[in-house]
Structures are given as C-alpha cells and as structure tokens.
Protein backbone atom coordinates (compact mmCIF):
# COMPACT_ATOMS: atom_id res chain seq x y z
CA MET A 1 0.00 0.00 0.00
CA GLN A 2 2.82 2.38 0.83
CA LEU A 3 4.61 1.53 -2.42
CA GLN A 4 1.52 2.34 -4.48
CA LEU A 5 1.15 5.68 -2.66
CA ILE A 6 4.78 6.60 -3.34
CA SER A 7 4.38 5.74 -7.03
CA PHE A 8 1.30 7.89 -7.30
CA VAL A 9 3.09 10.89 -5.73
CA LEU A 10 6.03 10.52 -8.13
CA ILE A 11 3.74 10.47 -11.16
CA ILE A 12 1.98 13.63 -9.96
CA LEU A 13 5.31 15.40 -9.50
CA HIS A 14 6.50 14.30 -12.94
CA CYS A 15 3.38 15.55 -14.64
CA MET A 16 3.38 18.95 -13.03
CA ASP A 17 5.16 20.32 -16.09
CA TYR A 18 2.43 20.71 -18.71
CA THR A 19 4.67 20.02 -21.69
CA GLY A 20 6.13 16.88 -20.21
CA CYS A 21 2.74 15.62 -19.24
CA GLN A 22 1.43 16.34 -22.75
CA GLN A 23 4.29 14.41 -24.31
CA HIS A 24 3.66 11.51 -21.97
CA SER A 25 0.03 11.57 -22.90
CA THR A 26 0.89 11.63 -26.60
CA SER A 27 3.29 8.71 -26.19
CA ARG A 28 0.67 6.71 -24.35
CA HIS A 29 -1.83 7.54 -27.06
CA ARG A 30 0.56 6.36 -29.78
CA GLN A 31 1.23 3.20 -27.78
CA ARG A 32 -2.47 2.52 -27.53
CA ARG A 33 -2.80 3.12 -31.28
CA GLN A 34 0.01 0.63 -32.02
CA ILE A 35 -1.50 -1.96 -29.73
CA SER A 36 -4.90 -1.48 -31.29
CA SER A 37 -3.43 -1.87 -34.79
CA VAL A 38 -1.77 -5.18 -33.85
CA SER A 39 -5.06 -6.99 -34.18
CA SER A 40 -6.00 -5.14 -37.36
CA GLY A 41 -5.15 -6.44 -40.89
CA CYS A 42 -1.40 -6.26 -41.83
CA GLN A 43 -0.13 -5.25 -45.25
CA GLN A 44 2.13 -8.31 -45.49
CA SER A 45 0.27 -11.58 -45.76
CA SER A 46 3.14 -13.36 -43.95
CA CYS A 47 2.71 -11.20 -40.83
CA LEU A 48 0.75 -12.54 -37.91
CA THR A 49 0.75 -9.19 -36.03
CA CYS A 50 2.15 -5.83 -37.07
CA SER A 51 2.12 -2.08 -36.49
CA ASP A 52 2.15 0.90 -38.82
CA TYR A 53 5.45 2.10 -37.39
CA ASN A 54 7.47 -1.11 -36.83
CA GLY A 55 6.06 -3.37 -39.55
CA CYS A 56 5.69 -7.05 -38.65
CA LEU A 57 5.80 -7.80 -34.95
CA SER A 58 5.35 -11.55 -35.33
CA CYS A 59 5.22 -13.97 -38.26
CA LYS A 60 3.03 -16.83 -39.28
CA PRO A 61 4.40 -20.36 -38.78
CA ARG A 62 7.32 -21.40 -41.04
CA PHE A 63 8.28 -17.73 -41.66
CA PHE A 64 11.39 -16.02 -40.26
CA MET A 65 11.36 -12.59 -38.66
CA TYR A 66 13.99 -10.33 -40.26
CA LEU A 67 14.71 -6.75 -39.13
CA GLU A 68 15.33 -4.68 -42.23
CA ARG A 69 17.17 -1.40 -41.62
CA ILE A 70 15.83 1.67 -43.42
CA ARG A 71 18.07 4.60 -42.53
CA MET A 72 17.90 4.89 -38.74
CA LYS A 73 14.84 2.74 -38.45
CA GLN A 74 14.30 -1.04 -38.40
CA ILE A 75 11.21 -2.60 -39.92
CA GLY A 76 10.10 -6.16 -39.23
CA VAL A 77 9.72 -8.36 -42.36
CA CYS A 78 8.58 -12.00 -42.52
CA LEU A 79 10.50 -14.19 -45.01
CA THR A 80 10.45 -17.83 -46.07
CA SER A 81 14.27 -17.93 -45.87
CA CYS A 82 16.87 -15.59 -44.47
CA PRO A 83 18.89 -13.31 -46.81
CA PRO A 84 22.64 -13.72 -47.43
CA GLY A 85 24.70 -13.00 -44.34
CA TYR A 86 21.99 -14.35 -42.01
CA TYR A 87 20.96 -17.78 -40.80
CA GLY A 88 17.57 -18.94 -39.57
CA THR A 89 16.88 -20.03 -36.00
CA ARG A 90 13.64 -21.78 -35.13
CA SER A 91 12.04 -21.92 -31.69
CA PRO A 92 8.58 -22.63 -30.31
CA GLU A 93 8.05 -18.90 -29.68
CA ARG A 94 9.21 -17.50 -33.01
CA ASN A 95 11.62 -17.98 -35.92
CA ILE A 96 14.21 -15.27 -36.43
CA CYS A 97 17.03 -14.38 -38.85
CA THR A 98 20.35 -13.96 -37.05
CA LYS A 99 23.33 -12.21 -38.58
CA CYS A 100 26.40 -14.33 -39.43
CA ARG A 101 29.84 -13.56 -38.08
CA SER A 102 31.52 -10.54 -39.62
CA GLU A 103 33.95 -12.61 -41.73
CA CYS A 104 31.17 -14.82 -43.14
CA ASP A 105 29.33 -14.04 -46.35
CA SER A 106 26.82 -16.81 -45.63
CA CYS A 107 26.57 -19.33 -42.82
CA PHE A 108 24.69 -22.35 -41.55
CA ASN A 109 24.74 -21.23 -37.92
CA LYS A 110 26.75 -18.96 -35.69
CA ASN A 111 29.81 -21.22 -35.69
CA PHE A 112 29.72 -22.66 -39.22
CA CYS A 113 30.33 -20.47 -42.27
CA THR A 114 29.48 -21.70 -45.79
CA ARG A 115 31.13 -18.82 -47.71
CA CYS A 116 33.60 -16.17 -46.62
CA ARG A 117 33.88 -12.49 -47.36
CA ILE A 118 36.67 -11.20 -49.60
CA GLY A 119 40.04 -11.56 -47.88
CA PHE A 120 39.00 -14.66 -45.88
CA TYR A 121 39.23 -18.33 -46.83
CA LEU A 122 36.93 -21.12 -45.70
CA HIS A 123 38.30 -24.20 -43.95
CA LEU A 124 36.18 -26.59 -41.89
CA GLY A 125 33.40 -24.03 -41.51
CA LYS A 126 35.73 -21.25 -40.35
CA CYS A 127 36.79 -18.17 -42.31
CA GLN A 128 40.51 -17.52 -41.93
CA GLU A 129 42.99 -15.08 -43.37
CA THR A 130 45.66 -17.78 -43.72
CA CYS A 131 45.35 -21.47 -44.60
CA PRO A 132 46.78 -24.43 -42.66
CA GLU A 133 49.92 -26.19 -43.82
CA GLY A 134 49.45 -28.24 -46.98
CA LEU A 135 46.61 -26.02 -48.21
CA VAL A 136 46.66 -22.93 -50.40
CA ARG A 137 44.27 -20.02 -50.80
CA SER A 138 41.82 -20.00 -53.72
CA ASP A 139 40.60 -16.47 -54.47
CA THR A 140 37.87 -17.70 -56.82
CA GLN A 141 36.39 -20.14 -54.29
CA ARG A 142 37.48 -18.19 -51.20
CA GLU A 143 38.50 -21.49 -49.68
CA CYS A 144 41.61 -23.26 -48.50
CA VAL A 145 42.23 -25.93 -51.13
CA PRO A 146 44.85 -28.69 -51.37
CA LYS A 147 48.11 -27.83 -53.08
CA CYS A 148 47.87 -29.65 -56.43
CA TYR A 149 50.77 -31.00 -58.45
CA ALA A 150 51.93 -29.15 -61.56
CA GLU A 151 49.64 -30.79 -64.16
CA CYS A 152 46.54 -30.51 -61.96
CA GLU A 153 44.29 -27.45 -61.78
CA LEU A 154 41.90 -28.60 -59.05
CA CYS A 155 42.41 -31.53 -56.67
CA VAL A 156 41.04 -33.25 -53.59
CA ASN A 157 44.54 -33.79 -52.24
CA SER A 158 48.08 -33.94 -53.56
CA GLU A 159 47.39 -37.38 -55.10
CA THR A 160 43.85 -37.02 -56.49
CA CYS A 161 43.11 -34.48 -59.22
CA THR A 162 39.55 -33.52 -60.14
CA ARG A 163 40.38 -31.16 -63.04
CA CYS A 164 43.51 -31.16 -65.18
CA ARG A 165 45.14 -28.20 -66.83
CA PRO A 166 44.10 -27.49 -70.47
CA GLY A 167 45.41 -30.02 -72.98
CA LEU A 168 45.79 -32.87 -70.45
CA TYR A 169 43.62 -35.97 -69.97
CA LYS A 170 42.43 -37.21 -66.57
CA LEU A 171 42.55 -40.86 -65.56
CA ASN A 172 42.06 -42.20 -62.02
CA GLY A 173 42.80 -38.82 -60.42
CA ARG A 174 46.00 -38.23 -62.43
CA CYS A 175 46.70 -36.04 -65.48
CA HIS A 176 48.35 -37.41 -68.64
CA HIS A 177 49.78 -35.88 -71.79
CA PHE A 178 49.18 -39.22 -73.56
CA CYS A 179 46.79 -41.93 -72.45
CA PRO A 180 48.39 -45.23 -71.34
CA ASP A 181 47.96 -48.55 -73.12
CA ASP A 182 44.40 -49.84 -73.54
CA TYR A 183 43.06 -46.28 -73.13
CA GLU A 184 42.34 -43.55 -75.66
CA PRO A 185 41.75 -39.78 -75.33
CA ASN A 186 38.26 -38.34 -75.26
CA ASP A 187 38.58 -34.70 -76.34
CA LYS A 188 35.04 -33.85 -75.26
CA LEU A 189 35.48 -35.06 -71.66
CA MET A 190 39.26 -34.50 -71.62
CA GLU A 191 39.62 -37.92 -70.05
CA CYS A 192 41.30 -41.22 -70.91
CA VAL A 193 38.58 -43.78 -71.62
CA PRO A 194 38.99 -47.55 -72.17
CA GLN A 195 39.51 -48.68 -75.74
CA VAL A 196 36.81 -50.82 -77.33
CA HIS A 197 38.06 -53.56 -79.68
CA CYS A 198 36.12 -55.19 -82.47
CA GLU A 199 34.41 -58.51 -81.71
CA VAL A 200 33.09 -60.90 -84.39
CA ASN A 201 31.04 -64.09 -84.34
CA ILE A 202 32.20 -67.51 -85.57
CA TRP A 203 32.28 -68.34 -89.30
CA SER A 204 29.18 -69.64 -90.99
CA GLU A 205 29.23 -72.88 -93.01
CA TRP A 206 30.67 -72.77 -96.55
CA SER A 207 28.00 -72.13 -99.14
CA PRO A 208 27.42 -74.61 -102.02
CA CYS A 209 29.69 -74.22 -105.00
CA SER A 210 28.17 -71.53 -107.22
CA ARG A 211 28.99 -69.20 -110.09
CA SER A 212 27.21 -65.93 -110.86
CA GLY A 213 24.50 -66.94 -108.43
CA ARG A 214 23.91 -70.32 -110.10
CA THR A 215 24.70 -73.77 -108.77
CA CYS A 216 24.59 -75.58 -112.16
CA GLY A 217 25.70 -75.13 -115.73
CA PHE A 218 29.40 -74.70 -114.91
CA LYS A 219 32.45 -76.72 -113.94
CA ARG A 220 34.43 -74.25 -111.79
CA GLY A 221 32.84 -71.97 -109.19
CA GLN A 222 33.34 -70.58 -105.66
CA HIS A 223 32.44 -71.30 -102.01
CA THR A 224 31.69 -68.36 -99.65
CA ARG A 225 31.26 -67.95 -95.89
CA THR A 226 30.61 -64.93 -93.60
CA ARG A 227 30.59 -63.88 -89.92
CA GLN A 228 28.78 -61.08 -88.07
CA VAL A 229 30.26 -58.13 -86.13
CA LEU A 230 29.23 -58.31 -82.47
CA GLN A 231 31.04 -55.13 -81.28
CA TYR A 232 32.32 -52.30 -83.46
CA PRO A 233 35.60 -50.73 -82.29
CA SER A 234 36.19 -47.27 -80.79
CA PRO A 235 38.31 -44.77 -82.81
CA PHE A 236 41.59 -46.19 -81.45
CA GLY A 237 40.41 -49.75 -80.83
CA ARG A 238 41.50 -52.87 -82.71
CA PRO A 239 39.76 -52.89 -86.12
CA CYS A 240 37.54 -55.70 -87.37
CA PRO A 241 39.07 -58.60 -89.35
CA GLU A 242 37.63 -59.89 -92.64
CA ILE A 243 34.00 -60.84 -92.30
CA SER A 244 33.74 -62.80 -95.58
CA GLU A 245 35.90 -65.41 -97.34
CA ILE A 246 35.87 -66.97 -100.85
CA LYS A 247 37.60 -70.10 -102.19
CA ASP A 248 37.54 -71.82 -105.59
CA CYS A 249 35.70 -75.08 -106.14
CA SER A 250 34.94 -77.46 -109.05
CA VAL A 251 31.95 -79.69 -109.68
CA LYS A 252 30.82 -82.18 -112.32
CA ARG A 253 29.23 -80.09 -114.99
CA ARG A 254 25.51 -80.60 -115.37
CA LYS A 255 22.88 -78.70 -117.21
CA CYS A 256 20.45 -76.58 -115.28
CA PRO A 257 16.71 -77.30 -115.55
CA GLY A 258 15.40 -75.63 -118.72
CA GLN A 259 18.91 -75.24 -120.13
CA ARG A 260 18.03 -77.05 -123.42
CA LEU A 261 15.75 -74.22 -124.34
CA THR A 262 18.41 -71.79 -123.27
CA ASP A 263 21.08 -73.52 -125.37
CA ARG A 264 18.77 -73.56 -128.39
CA THR A 265 18.06 -69.88 -127.97
CA GLU A 266 21.78 -69.18 -127.58
CA ARG A 267 22.59 -71.07 -130.82
CA ARG A 268 19.85 -69.23 -132.68
CA ASN A 269 21.14 -65.91 -131.45
CA ARG A 270 24.69 -66.90 -132.39
CA ASN A 271 23.59 -67.88 -135.92
CA ASN A 272 21.66 -64.64 -136.27
CA ARG A 273 24.70 -62.68 -135.22
CA LYS A 274 26.82 -64.62 -137.77
CA GLU A 275 24.32 -64.02 -140.57
CA ASN A 276 24.10 -60.35 -139.73
CA HIS A 277 27.87 -60.12 -139.78
CA GLU A 278 28.09 -61.82 -143.24
CA ALA A 279 25.37 -59.53 -144.58
CA ARG A 280 27.22 -56.47 -143.36
CA ARG A 281 30.43 -57.72 -144.99
CA GLU A 282 28.64 -58.35 -148.32
CA ARG A 283 27.09 -54.86 -148.26
CA LYS A 284 30.53 -53.42 -147.63
CA ARG A 285 32.00 -55.33 -150.62
CA GLU A 286 29.20 -54.04 -152.87
CA ARG A 287 29.88 -50.48 -151.75
CA ASP A 288 33.59 -50.92 -152.45
CA ARG A 289 32.91 -52.35 -155.96
CA ALA A 290 30.54 -49.48 -156.74
CA ARG A 291 33.10 -46.95 -155.58
CA ASP A 292 35.84 -48.56 -157.75
CA ALA A 293 33.59 -48.58 -160.82
CA GLY A 294 32.79 -44.94 -160.28
CA ASP A 295 36.48 -44.08 -160.02
CA ARG A 296 37.25 -45.85 -163.34
CA GLN A 297 34.42 -44.03 -165.07
CA ASP A 298 35.73 -40.69 -163.79
CA ASN A 299 39.21 -41.46 -165.15
CA ARG A 300 37.79 -42.28 -168.61
CA ASN A 301 35.81 -39.06 -168.67
CA LYS A 302 38.87 -37.03 -167.80
CA THR A 303 40.92 -38.70 -170.58
CA GLU A 304 38.24 -38.02 -173.21
CA HIS A 305 38.06 -34.42 -172.12
CA ARG A 306 41.81 -33.96 -172.57
CA HIS A 307 41.62 -35.52 -176.09
CA TRP A 308 38.89 -33.14 -177.04
CA ARG A 309 40.93 -30.11 -176.06
CA GLY A 310 44.01 -31.36 -177.98
CA HIS A 311 46.26 -31.78 -175.03
CA VAL A 312 46.79 -35.43 -175.71
CA PRO A 313 48.67 -36.27 -179.06
CA ASP A 314 47.36 -38.94 -181.32
CA PRO A 315 48.94 -42.25 -180.79
CA VAL A 316 51.80 -43.02 -183.32
CA SER A 317 51.59 -46.29 -185.12
CA PRO A 318 54.64 -48.55 -185.09
CA GLN A 319 55.19 -48.18 -188.83
CA GLU A 320 55.34 -44.45 -188.68
CA GLY A 321 57.96 -44.57 -186.07
CA LEU A 322 60.45 -46.33 -188.35
CA VAL A 323 63.31 -44.37 -189.93
CA GLN A 324 62.62 -43.62 -193.53
C-alpha cells in the first residue's frame, strides 16, 4: 500500500510540467494506437501481427522474422528464408534471422560459415585469413584448397586431381599428356577412356559351289562364308578382321533345268549374229565395188576431155615410127 502511494506521488510530480505531461500523454496515445493496430489487418500476408510504425511484430508459422534497416529505423519483415549474411533459428516462440559472423558471407549457424567475405578463406566451416599447412588459398572459391601437383588445376589432395590443366587428360585422379595402353583420349570429356576392340562371331558354313548366283551349268565356281560383327571398335580400338571369305571349287558339270531351251536360244542368237555379220560384210564389198567402178568411169571421162581439147597427141603407129 505504501509503495503504491509513493508511485502515485512521483507520477503527480513528474506531470506537473504541462509540456512533459502532454508528451507523456501523446506517447501513451501512440502506444495505444500501435496496440490497437496489432489486431488489425497487416499489409504483409506473412505477418501474424504488425504495427504501422514497426512493420511485422510476429510472423506466421514457417516464416522467419527479419529486421530490415531503413536509414535509422528497423522494420520487421517475414521471409520464407533468411537473406545472405543471415541464418535462420527456429524456436517454439518464433523464428528469427540472425546475422552471421563478420567474416562470413553466408553461414549455416553462428559457428559454421558456408562462404567467406573477400580476404578470408573457408576451412572446416571457419573463415581464416591464412590457410593451414598443406593447403593454399583460392581467391575464386574463397576457400583453403589442397596444393595440387603441376599438371593438376583442381584436386582433392596432392594425389587425387579432379580437373587437369588445359590439354591434359584425366585418368584415375591423375593427369596425362598421352593416355596409357588400352586407353584412348576423349577430347570432349578430356579424359582417358577404355579402348573398345572389335568382336566378331564364328564363321558360318561354306556355301554350295556356285557361279554368278547359279549352282549348275558350270564346272568351276566358288564357295563363300561370312561372320557377323558383335562389337564395333572405338576410334583407337583394334579394327575388325575380314567378315567374308571366298575359295575356288569345281563340280561335275551338269545342265540346269530348262537349259536345253536356253542352249537352243543361244545357238539361234549366235547364228543370227553370224548371218548379220556376213550380210554387213557383203554390203561393204558391194559399196567398195561401186566406188571402184565410179572411179574408173571418172578417169575415162577425164581422158576423153583432154583428147577433145588437144592436149593429148594422137597415138603413133609402129610403122610411122620407123626411120625412112
């Protein structure tokens, strides 16, 4: 009872100044307005409660409360996941976004970084300015990475390479200028891949003796046999052997069914060809005789023409040629 009386006296003394009392009244009025607006509809659908001045005051389940700084003021925002540089902490009361350590760019929790800021290098969840022995700094990854051997560009440790330098081929964690035996280079993957050799099936049986697709009507012919390719080779693999073979054969000559008619037709065609050839030769002889006769007639005509013009002297008889 005495404590309540003392509190009442102090309040009266504090409110004696009109201005101070007015400000207190205004503050209490604003507080009442904020409290009243908590139960009213919020602009953000993810907010459970909010105020016009401070934004979200609490979030719906599965959302994280994040305090966004706008100049000198912080506004509550409810997010499904925390922004970079923050990690989410869940609790029965509320879920909040907590800022990572200053050297972390992103983190899983307060003591485990997943990416470091510039100038720091990640190792076992910690961001450090220097790396432990056996590791080197990677500015692109911002991590402490194993020191790779000369031909390796990225490695798990000093013995296992995950990416070779340009122009080299990777095989079993090592980098090669030339792939070892039984391997060949794959320029697309830049790796040494196993060679694939050709595989063929067994030979088929020899075919019957034949000639030009026939099995009769001849004395000498050929046998053939083939085998199938089971596996075609890779570019550098062992090529396929011959898949077909031919050998000569001889059989007792016998006529094919229907060959009598064929032979008769062949003889008739042969005789026709012979007759046609003789007829062509006879026509050629007639043309030659006609051409020779024409030439003789032309010579006679030329001789008569020369006689007519007096160019050719009369023939002298033998008697006139004697000396008188």
